[in-house]
Amino acid sequence: MELKNVEFKARVADLAVMEDRLSGLGLVLDGVYTQVDTYYNVPIGRVKLREYDSYSSLIYYNRTDGVDAKGSDVIYYKHDKNTALGAILELQFGVKVKVSKVRKVLTYKNVSIHLDNVDGLGLFVEVEACSVGAEEDIDLKAQCDEFFNLLQLKKEDLIAVSYSDLIMLKTK
C-alpha cells in the first residue's frame, strides 16, 4: 500500500502528561505494542522490518531529515510473521541497526499518535498524519502543527532524525 505521510517526533519527559493533554479529543486506543525494527543497508531511502508478536510489516520510506513536520513517501506491506524474510534481507543488504520499543498507539481520524518508550533512548511522542482515511484536500502538515500545539511542545523538543539514527549516533 502506498501512502503519503507527514510526521514529527519529539523527546518528552512524561508520556502520561502527553496523553493527558490529548484527553477530550475522543482518541481511539489502537493498542500497546512491543516492536522490534530492523533497518537494512539499502541504497535509497530506508527499509525496515517491523516485528510484532503475531505479525510483521516490511516498510520502505524516503524522507529528508529535519525538525519540522516532514512528508515521506511510504510503501507498507503487512504479512504473517516469518523469519525467512528477515534472513533474506540480512543476507542481501546487511543489518544497519535494530530499534526496540514499547509503543502505545492512539488514533484520531487519519492521525496516529505514538507514545514511545525506546530502549536506550528514552521517551518520545510521534504524530503522523496520513493520507489514508483523510478528508479530501486536508493539509497533513497543518494537522501535525495542531497536535504540536495541543501537546504544548517546544521547538527544542523536536528530533530531526529517526530512532535508528539516534541509536547509531549513541553507539559511535
N, C-alpha and C. Protein backbone atom coordinates (compact mmCIF):
# COMPACT_ATOMS: atom_id res chain seq x y z
N MET A 1 0.84 -1.16 0.00
CA MET A 1 0.00 0.00 0.00
C MET A 1 0.90 1.24 0.00
N GLU A 2 0.66 2.15 -0.92
CA GLU A 2 1.39 3.41 -0.96
C GLU A 2 0.56 4.49 -0.28
N LEU A 3 1.25 5.38 0.42
CA LEU A 3 0.55 6.45 1.11
C LEU A 3 1.45 7.65 1.29
N LYS A 4 0.86 8.78 1.60
CA LYS A 4 1.59 9.99 1.95
C LYS A 4 1.46 10.18 3.44
N ASN A 5 2.54 10.65 4.05
CA ASN A 5 2.61 10.73 5.49
C ASN A 5 3.36 12.00 5.85
N VAL A 6 2.86 12.76 6.82
CA VAL A 6 3.58 13.90 7.37
C VAL A 6 3.67 13.64 8.87
N GLU A 7 4.87 13.83 9.42
CA GLU A 7 5.05 13.46 10.82
C GLU A 7 6.07 14.35 11.51
N PHE A 8 6.02 14.32 12.85
CA PHE A 8 7.08 14.89 13.67
C PHE A 8 7.31 13.98 14.86
N LYS A 9 8.50 14.10 15.43
CA LYS A 9 8.88 13.32 16.59
C LYS A 9 9.50 14.27 17.60
N ALA A 10 9.16 14.09 18.89
CA ALA A 10 9.70 14.96 19.94
C ALA A 10 10.05 14.14 21.17
N ARG A 11 11.15 14.53 21.79
CA ARG A 11 11.54 13.92 23.07
C ARG A 11 10.67 14.54 24.16
N VAL A 12 10.19 13.70 25.10
CA VAL A 12 9.33 14.18 26.18
C VAL A 12 9.81 13.60 27.50
N ALA A 13 9.38 14.22 28.58
CA ALA A 13 9.78 13.77 29.91
C ALA A 13 8.79 12.77 30.50
N ASP A 14 7.51 12.85 30.07
CA ASP A 14 6.47 12.04 30.70
C ASP A 14 5.37 11.71 29.68
N LEU A 15 5.21 10.45 29.37
CA LEU A 15 4.19 10.06 28.40
C LEU A 15 2.77 10.25 28.94
N ALA A 16 2.59 10.10 30.24
CA ALA A 16 1.26 10.29 30.84
C ALA A 16 0.80 11.74 30.68
N VAL A 17 1.72 12.68 30.78
CA VAL A 17 1.38 14.10 30.59
C VAL A 17 0.92 14.32 29.15
N MET A 18 1.61 13.72 28.20
CA MET A 18 1.23 13.85 26.79
C MET A 18 -0.17 13.29 26.57
N GLU A 19 -0.43 12.13 27.14
CA GLU A 19 -1.75 11.50 26.97
C GLU A 19 -2.84 12.35 27.63
N ASP A 20 -2.53 12.93 28.76
CA ASP A 20 -3.49 13.79 29.45
C ASP A 20 -3.84 15.02 28.60
N ARG A 21 -2.85 15.58 27.91
CA ARG A 21 -3.10 16.75 27.06
C ARG A 21 -3.97 16.41 25.86
N LEU A 22 -4.05 15.14 25.52
CA LEU A 22 -4.87 14.69 24.40
C LEU A 22 -6.28 14.29 24.82
N SER A 23 -6.52 14.23 26.14
CA SER A 23 -7.83 13.79 26.62
C SER A 23 -8.90 14.77 26.14
N GLY A 24 -10.07 14.23 25.92
CA GLY A 24 -11.17 15.06 25.45
C GLY A 24 -11.31 15.08 23.94
N LEU A 25 -10.33 14.54 23.22
CA LEU A 25 -10.41 14.52 21.75
C LEU A 25 -11.22 13.34 21.22
N GLY A 26 -11.47 12.36 22.07
CA GLY A 26 -12.14 11.16 21.60
C GLY A 26 -11.19 10.25 20.84
N LEU A 27 -9.96 10.18 21.32
CA LEU A 27 -8.97 9.30 20.71
C LEU A 27 -9.36 7.85 20.89
N VAL A 28 -8.96 7.02 19.94
CA VAL A 28 -9.21 5.59 20.00
C VAL A 28 -7.87 4.90 20.27
N LEU A 29 -7.87 4.01 21.26
CA LEU A 29 -6.67 3.23 21.54
C LEU A 29 -6.57 2.11 20.52
N ASP A 30 -5.55 2.19 19.68
CA ASP A 30 -5.30 1.14 18.69
C ASP A 30 -4.63 -0.06 19.36
N GLY A 31 -3.75 0.22 20.34
CA GLY A 31 -3.10 -0.86 21.05
C GLY A 31 -1.79 -0.42 21.66
N VAL A 32 -1.22 -1.31 22.47
CA VAL A 32 0.11 -1.12 23.03
C VAL A 32 0.94 -2.28 22.51
N TYR A 33 2.03 -1.96 21.85
CA TYR A 33 2.81 -2.96 21.12
C TYR A 33 4.27 -2.95 21.53
N THR A 34 4.85 -4.12 21.58
CA THR A 34 6.29 -4.24 21.65
C THR A 34 6.75 -4.45 20.22
N GLN A 35 7.63 -3.57 19.75
CA GLN A 35 8.07 -3.61 18.36
C GLN A 35 9.59 -3.69 18.30
N VAL A 36 10.07 -4.49 17.35
CA VAL A 36 11.49 -4.50 17.04
C VAL A 36 11.60 -4.15 15.56
N ASP A 37 12.28 -3.04 15.28
CA ASP A 37 12.50 -2.59 13.91
C ASP A 37 13.93 -2.91 13.52
N THR A 38 14.09 -3.68 12.45
CA THR A 38 15.41 -3.98 11.93
C THR A 38 15.58 -3.18 10.63
N TYR A 39 16.55 -2.27 10.64
CA TYR A 39 16.85 -1.45 9.47
C TYR A 39 17.96 -2.11 8.66
N TYR A 40 17.85 -2.03 7.35
CA TYR A 40 18.82 -2.66 6.46
C TYR A 40 19.59 -1.60 5.68
N ASN A 41 20.79 -1.96 5.25
CA ASN A 41 21.65 -1.09 4.46
C ASN A 41 21.19 -1.08 3.02
N VAL A 42 20.32 -0.13 2.69
CA VAL A 42 19.79 -0.05 1.33
C VAL A 42 20.30 1.23 0.66
N PRO A 43 20.39 1.24 -0.67
CA PRO A 43 20.97 2.39 -1.35
C PRO A 43 20.08 3.63 -1.41
N ILE A 44 18.76 3.45 -1.34
CA ILE A 44 17.84 4.58 -1.45
C ILE A 44 16.81 4.48 -0.34
N GLY A 45 16.59 5.57 0.37
CA GLY A 45 15.58 5.59 1.42
C GLY A 45 15.93 4.68 2.58
N ARG A 46 14.91 4.17 3.24
CA ARG A 46 15.08 3.28 4.37
C ARG A 46 14.15 2.08 4.20
N VAL A 47 14.63 0.94 4.60
CA VAL A 47 13.82 -0.27 4.62
C VAL A 47 13.96 -0.86 6.01
N LYS A 48 12.79 -1.13 6.63
CA LYS A 48 12.82 -1.76 7.95
C LYS A 48 11.78 -2.86 8.00
N LEU A 49 12.14 -3.89 8.75
CA LEU A 49 11.22 -4.97 9.05
C LEU A 49 10.76 -4.73 10.48
N ARG A 50 9.47 -4.44 10.65
CA ARG A 50 8.91 -4.21 11.98
C ARG A 50 8.22 -5.48 12.43
N GLU A 51 8.70 -6.02 13.55
CA GLU A 51 8.15 -7.27 14.07
C GLU A 51 7.32 -7.02 15.33
N TYR A 52 6.12 -7.54 15.28
CA TYR A 52 5.21 -7.55 16.42
C TYR A 52 5.16 -8.98 16.96
N ASP A 53 4.33 -9.21 17.95
CA ASP A 53 4.20 -10.57 18.49
C ASP A 53 3.69 -11.55 17.44
N SER A 54 2.66 -11.17 16.69
CA SER A 54 2.00 -12.13 15.81
C SER A 54 2.14 -11.85 14.31
N TYR A 55 2.63 -10.68 13.92
CA TYR A 55 2.79 -10.37 12.51
C TYR A 55 3.96 -9.41 12.33
N SER A 56 4.27 -9.15 11.08
CA SER A 56 5.37 -8.24 10.75
C SER A 56 4.93 -7.30 9.64
N SER A 57 5.68 -6.22 9.48
CA SER A 57 5.46 -5.28 8.39
C SER A 57 6.80 -4.96 7.76
N LEU A 58 6.84 -4.97 6.45
CA LEU A 58 8.01 -4.51 5.73
C LEU A 58 7.67 -3.11 5.25
N ILE A 59 8.52 -2.14 5.61
CA ILE A 59 8.21 -0.74 5.35
C ILE A 59 9.38 -0.09 4.63
N TYR A 60 9.07 0.54 3.50
CA TYR A 60 10.04 1.38 2.80
C TYR A 60 9.57 2.81 2.98
N TYR A 61 10.49 3.72 3.29
CA TYR A 61 10.14 5.13 3.29
C TYR A 61 11.34 5.97 2.91
N ASN A 62 11.04 7.15 2.38
CA ASN A 62 12.07 8.07 1.96
C ASN A 62 11.63 9.47 2.37
N ARG A 63 12.44 10.12 3.18
CA ARG A 63 12.14 11.49 3.62
C ARG A 63 13.44 12.17 3.99
N THR A 64 13.40 13.48 3.98
CA THR A 64 14.56 14.24 4.42
C THR A 64 14.49 14.41 5.93
N ASP A 65 15.65 14.47 6.56
CA ASP A 65 15.69 14.71 7.99
C ASP A 65 15.45 16.19 8.25
N GLY A 66 14.88 16.51 9.39
CA GLY A 66 14.64 17.88 9.80
C GLY A 66 13.68 17.90 10.96
N VAL A 67 13.69 18.99 11.71
CA VAL A 67 12.84 19.05 12.91
C VAL A 67 11.40 19.40 12.58
N ASP A 68 11.16 20.12 11.50
CA ASP A 68 9.78 20.47 11.17
C ASP A 68 9.02 19.24 10.71
N ALA A 69 7.69 19.30 10.83
CA ALA A 69 6.87 18.20 10.32
C ALA A 69 7.25 17.98 8.87
N LYS A 70 7.52 16.73 8.53
CA LYS A 70 8.05 16.45 7.21
C LYS A 70 7.26 15.34 6.54
N GLY A 71 7.21 15.41 5.24
CA GLY A 71 6.50 14.40 4.46
C GLY A 71 7.41 13.25 4.09
N SER A 72 6.80 12.12 3.85
CA SER A 72 7.56 10.98 3.36
C SER A 72 6.67 10.13 2.46
N ASP A 73 7.32 9.49 1.52
CA ASP A 73 6.65 8.51 0.68
C ASP A 73 6.87 7.15 1.33
N VAL A 74 5.79 6.40 1.47
CA VAL A 74 5.84 5.15 2.22
C VAL A 74 5.21 4.03 1.40
N ILE A 75 5.85 2.88 1.42
CA ILE A 75 5.24 1.65 0.92
C ILE A 75 5.25 0.68 2.09
N TYR A 76 4.07 0.16 2.40
CA TYR A 76 3.86 -0.63 3.61
C TYR A 76 3.28 -1.98 3.22
N TYR A 77 3.88 -3.05 3.73
CA TYR A 77 3.40 -4.41 3.44
C TYR A 77 3.30 -5.19 4.75
N LYS A 78 2.07 -5.50 5.15
CA LYS A 78 1.82 -6.27 6.37
C LYS A 78 1.72 -7.75 5.99
N HIS A 79 2.34 -8.61 6.80
CA HIS A 79 2.36 -10.04 6.46
C HIS A 79 2.48 -10.88 7.72
N ASP A 80 2.21 -12.16 7.56
CA ASP A 80 2.39 -13.10 8.68
C ASP A 80 3.86 -13.12 9.07
N LYS A 81 4.10 -13.28 10.33
CA LYS A 81 5.48 -13.31 10.83
C LYS A 81 6.19 -14.55 10.28
N ASN A 82 7.38 -14.33 9.74
CA ASN A 82 8.15 -15.42 9.16
C ASN A 82 9.62 -15.02 9.18
N THR A 83 10.45 -15.80 9.81
CA THR A 83 11.86 -15.44 9.95
C THR A 83 12.62 -15.45 8.64
N ALA A 84 12.07 -16.11 7.63
CA ALA A 84 12.76 -16.20 6.34
C ALA A 84 12.96 -14.83 5.71
N LEU A 85 11.96 -13.95 5.79
CA LEU A 85 12.09 -12.63 5.17
C LEU A 85 13.24 -11.85 5.78
N GLY A 86 13.33 -11.83 7.10
CA GLY A 86 14.43 -11.13 7.77
C GLY A 86 15.77 -11.72 7.39
N ALA A 87 15.83 -13.04 7.27
CA ALA A 87 17.09 -13.71 6.89
C ALA A 87 17.51 -13.32 5.47
N ILE A 88 16.55 -13.26 4.56
CA ILE A 88 16.85 -12.86 3.18
C ILE A 88 17.35 -11.42 3.14
N LEU A 89 16.65 -10.53 3.82
CA LEU A 89 17.04 -9.11 3.84
C LEU A 89 18.43 -8.93 4.45
N GLU A 90 18.70 -9.66 5.53
CA GLU A 90 20.01 -9.56 6.17
C GLU A 90 21.12 -10.06 5.24
N LEU A 91 20.89 -11.16 4.56
CA LEU A 91 21.89 -11.69 3.63
C LEU A 91 22.11 -10.75 2.45
N GLN A 92 21.03 -10.16 1.96
CA GLN A 92 21.13 -9.31 0.77
C GLN A 92 21.71 -7.93 1.08
N PHE A 93 21.31 -7.32 2.20
CA PHE A 93 21.66 -5.93 2.48
C PHE A 93 22.52 -5.73 3.72
N GLY A 94 22.46 -6.63 4.67
CA GLY A 94 23.12 -6.44 5.95
C GLY A 94 22.28 -5.59 6.88
N VAL A 95 22.38 -5.87 8.17
CA VAL A 95 21.61 -5.11 9.16
C VAL A 95 22.35 -3.83 9.50
N LYS A 96 21.64 -2.73 9.41
CA LYS A 96 22.19 -1.42 9.77
C LYS A 96 22.09 -1.20 11.28
N VAL A 97 20.90 -1.42 11.84
CA VAL A 97 20.67 -1.22 13.27
C VAL A 97 19.30 -1.81 13.64
N LYS A 98 19.14 -2.15 14.93
CA LYS A 98 17.85 -2.60 15.44
C LYS A 98 17.36 -1.61 16.49
N VAL A 99 16.06 -1.37 16.48
CA VAL A 99 15.42 -0.47 17.43
C VAL A 99 14.29 -1.23 18.12
N SER A 100 14.34 -1.28 19.45
CA SER A 100 13.28 -1.94 20.22
C SER A 100 12.53 -0.89 21.02
N LYS A 101 11.21 -1.02 21.04
CA LYS A 101 10.41 -0.03 21.75
C LYS A 101 9.08 -0.62 22.18
N VAL A 102 8.47 0.03 23.15
CA VAL A 102 7.08 -0.20 23.50
C VAL A 102 6.33 1.03 23.03
N ARG A 103 5.31 0.80 22.22
CA ARG A 103 4.58 1.91 21.58
C ARG A 103 3.10 1.80 21.89
N LYS A 104 2.55 2.88 22.44
CA LYS A 104 1.10 3.00 22.62
C LYS A 104 0.60 3.84 21.46
N VAL A 105 -0.36 3.29 20.71
CA VAL A 105 -0.88 3.98 19.52
C VAL A 105 -2.30 4.45 19.78
N LEU A 106 -2.49 5.76 19.64
CA LEU A 106 -3.81 6.38 19.74
C LEU A 106 -4.13 6.97 18.38
N THR A 107 -5.40 6.90 17.98
CA THR A 107 -5.77 7.46 16.68
C THR A 107 -6.88 8.48 16.82
N TYR A 108 -6.84 9.45 15.91
CA TYR A 108 -7.88 10.47 15.79
C TYR A 108 -8.05 10.74 14.30
N LYS A 109 -9.16 10.26 13.74
CA LYS A 109 -9.40 10.34 12.30
C LYS A 109 -8.22 9.72 11.56
N ASN A 110 -7.52 10.50 10.75
CA ASN A 110 -6.38 9.98 9.96
C ASN A 110 -5.03 10.22 10.63
N VAL A 111 -5.05 10.60 11.89
CA VAL A 111 -3.82 10.91 12.62
C VAL A 111 -3.54 9.82 13.66
N SER A 112 -2.28 9.36 13.70
CA SER A 112 -1.83 8.41 14.71
C SER A 112 -0.87 9.12 15.65
N ILE A 113 -1.09 8.93 16.93
CA ILE A 113 -0.19 9.48 17.95
C ILE A 113 0.49 8.29 18.60
N HIS A 114 1.82 8.29 18.56
CA HIS A 114 2.60 7.19 19.13
C HIS A 114 3.29 7.69 20.39
N LEU A 115 3.05 7.03 21.49
CA LEU A 115 3.72 7.32 22.75
C LEU A 115 4.76 6.21 22.93
N ASP A 116 6.02 6.55 22.73
CA ASP A 116 7.09 5.56 22.60
C ASP A 116 8.06 5.58 23.77
N ASN A 117 8.40 4.39 24.25
CA ASN A 117 9.50 4.19 25.19
C ASN A 117 10.52 3.35 24.44
N VAL A 118 11.60 4.01 23.96
CA VAL A 118 12.58 3.37 23.10
C VAL A 118 13.78 2.92 23.92
N ASP A 119 14.10 1.63 23.82
CA ASP A 119 15.23 1.06 24.57
C ASP A 119 16.50 1.87 24.27
N GLY A 120 17.15 2.32 25.34
CA GLY A 120 18.42 3.03 25.20
C GLY A 120 18.31 4.48 24.82
N LEU A 121 17.09 4.96 24.51
CA LEU A 121 16.94 6.36 24.10
C LEU A 121 16.01 7.18 24.98
N GLY A 122 14.94 6.58 25.49
CA GLY A 122 14.02 7.31 26.34
C GLY A 122 12.62 7.41 25.78
N LEU A 123 11.94 8.51 26.15
CA LEU A 123 10.52 8.70 25.87
C LEU A 123 10.32 9.72 24.75
N PHE A 124 9.36 9.40 23.86
CA PHE A 124 9.09 10.25 22.71
C PHE A 124 7.61 10.22 22.38
N VAL A 125 7.16 11.28 21.74
CA VAL A 125 5.84 11.29 21.12
C VAL A 125 6.07 11.51 19.63
N GLU A 126 5.34 10.76 18.83
CA GLU A 126 5.43 10.88 17.38
C GLU A 126 4.01 11.05 16.86
N VAL A 127 3.81 12.03 16.00
CA VAL A 127 2.49 12.28 15.41
C VAL A 127 2.61 12.11 13.91
N GLU A 128 1.73 11.29 13.35
CA GLU A 128 1.72 11.02 11.91
C GLU A 128 0.34 11.30 11.35
N ALA A 129 0.27 12.22 10.41
CA ALA A 129 -0.96 12.47 9.67
C ALA A 129 -0.82 11.75 8.33
N CYS A 130 -1.77 10.90 8.02
CA CYS A 130 -1.66 10.00 6.87
C CYS A 130 -2.76 10.30 5.85
N SER A 131 -2.41 10.17 4.58
CA SER A 131 -3.39 10.40 3.52
C SER A 131 -4.50 9.35 3.50
N VAL A 132 -4.21 8.16 3.99
CA VAL A 132 -5.23 7.11 4.04
C VAL A 132 -6.24 7.46 5.12
N GLY A 133 -7.49 7.55 4.76
CA GLY A 133 -8.55 7.88 5.70
C GLY A 133 -8.73 9.37 5.92
N ALA A 134 -7.95 10.20 5.22
CA ALA A 134 -8.05 11.66 5.38
C ALA A 134 -9.20 12.22 4.54
N GLU A 135 -9.74 13.33 5.02
CA GLU A 135 -10.74 14.04 4.24
C GLU A 135 -10.07 14.60 2.98
N GLU A 136 -10.85 14.76 1.94
CA GLU A 136 -10.30 15.27 0.68
C GLU A 136 -9.70 16.66 0.88
N ASP A 137 -8.55 16.90 0.30
CA ASP A 137 -7.84 18.19 0.34
C ASP A 137 -7.41 18.62 1.73
N ILE A 138 -7.26 17.70 2.66
CA ILE A 138 -6.81 18.06 4.01
C ILE A 138 -5.31 18.34 3.98
N ASP A 139 -4.89 19.29 4.77
CA ASP A 139 -3.48 19.66 4.87
C ASP A 139 -2.86 18.84 6.00
N LEU A 140 -2.08 17.83 5.63
CA LEU A 140 -1.49 16.93 6.62
C LEU A 140 -0.53 17.65 7.55
N LYS A 141 0.24 18.59 7.01
CA LYS A 141 1.18 19.35 7.85
C LYS A 141 0.42 20.19 8.87
N ALA A 142 -0.67 20.80 8.46
CA ALA A 142 -1.47 21.62 9.39
C ALA A 142 -2.02 20.74 10.52
N GLN A 143 -2.38 19.51 10.21
CA GLN A 143 -2.85 18.60 11.25
C GLN A 143 -1.73 18.33 12.26
N CYS A 144 -0.52 18.09 11.77
CA CYS A 144 0.62 17.87 12.68
C CYS A 144 0.86 19.11 13.53
N ASP A 145 0.79 20.27 12.93
CA ASP A 145 1.02 21.52 13.67
C ASP A 145 -0.01 21.69 14.79
N GLU A 146 -1.26 21.31 14.53
CA GLU A 146 -2.30 21.40 15.56
C GLU A 146 -1.96 20.51 16.76
N PHE A 147 -1.50 19.29 16.49
CA PHE A 147 -1.14 18.39 17.58
C PHE A 147 0.12 18.87 18.31
N PHE A 148 1.05 19.46 17.59
CA PHE A 148 2.25 20.02 18.21
C PHE A 148 1.84 21.05 19.26
N ASN A 149 0.91 21.93 18.89
CA ASN A 149 0.43 22.97 19.82
C ASN A 149 -0.39 22.37 20.95
N LEU A 150 -1.25 21.42 20.65
CA LEU A 150 -2.08 20.78 21.67
C LEU A 150 -1.22 20.08 22.72
N LEU A 151 -0.14 19.46 22.29
CA LEU A 151 0.75 18.76 23.21
C LEU A 151 1.68 19.70 23.97
N GLN A 152 1.63 21.00 23.63
CA GLN A 152 2.44 22.03 24.29
C GLN A 152 3.93 21.74 24.17
N LEU A 153 4.32 21.30 22.99
CA LEU A 153 5.73 21.01 22.74
C LEU A 153 6.47 22.28 22.36
N LYS A 154 7.77 22.22 22.48
CA LYS A 154 8.63 23.35 22.09
C LYS A 154 9.51 22.90 20.94
N LYS A 155 9.96 23.85 20.16
CA LYS A 155 10.82 23.56 19.01
C LYS A 155 12.04 22.73 19.41
N GLU A 156 12.61 23.02 20.58
CA GLU A 156 13.81 22.29 21.02
C GLU A 156 13.52 20.83 21.40
N ASP A 157 12.24 20.47 21.55
CA ASP A 157 11.88 19.09 21.85
C ASP A 157 11.94 18.20 20.60
N LEU A 158 11.86 18.82 19.43
CA LEU A 158 11.77 18.07 18.18
C LEU A 158 13.06 17.32 17.87
N ILE A 159 12.90 16.16 17.28
CA ILE A 159 14.00 15.30 16.88
C ILE A 159 14.02 15.28 15.36
N ALA A 160 15.18 15.57 14.78
CA ALA A 160 15.30 15.70 13.33
C ALA A 160 15.50 14.37 12.61
N VAL A 161 15.87 13.32 13.34
CA VAL A 161 16.25 12.07 12.69
C VAL A 161 15.43 10.91 13.27
N SER A 162 15.60 9.75 12.69
CA SER A 162 14.85 8.57 13.15
C SER A 162 15.50 7.97 14.39
N TYR A 163 14.76 7.07 15.05
CA TYR A 163 15.31 6.36 16.20
C TYR A 163 16.57 5.59 15.79
N SER A 164 16.56 5.04 14.60
CA SER A 164 17.73 4.29 14.14
C SER A 164 18.97 5.18 14.09
N ASP A 165 18.81 6.40 13.61
CA ASP A 165 19.94 7.35 13.57
C ASP A 165 20.41 7.70 14.97
N LEU A 166 19.47 7.91 15.89
CA LEU A 166 19.83 8.24 17.27
C LEU A 166 20.62 7.11 17.92
N ILE A 167 20.21 5.88 17.68
CA ILE A 167 20.93 4.73 18.25
C ILE A 167 22.32 4.63 17.65
N MET A 168 22.43 4.83 16.33
CA MET A 168 23.74 4.75 15.71
C MET A 168 24.66 5.85 16.20
N LEU A 169 24.12 7.06 16.42
CA LEU A 169 24.93 8.16 16.96
C LEU A 169 25.39 7.84 18.38
N LYS A 170 24.53 7.22 19.15
CA LYS A 170 24.84 6.88 20.54
C LYS A 170 25.93 5.82 20.65
N THR A 171 25.97 4.89 19.69
CA THR A 171 26.93 3.80 19.76
C THR A 171 28.27 4.12 19.11
N LYS A 172 28.40 5.31 18.54
CA LYS A 172 29.68 5.69 17.92
C LYS A 172 30.69 6.07 18.97
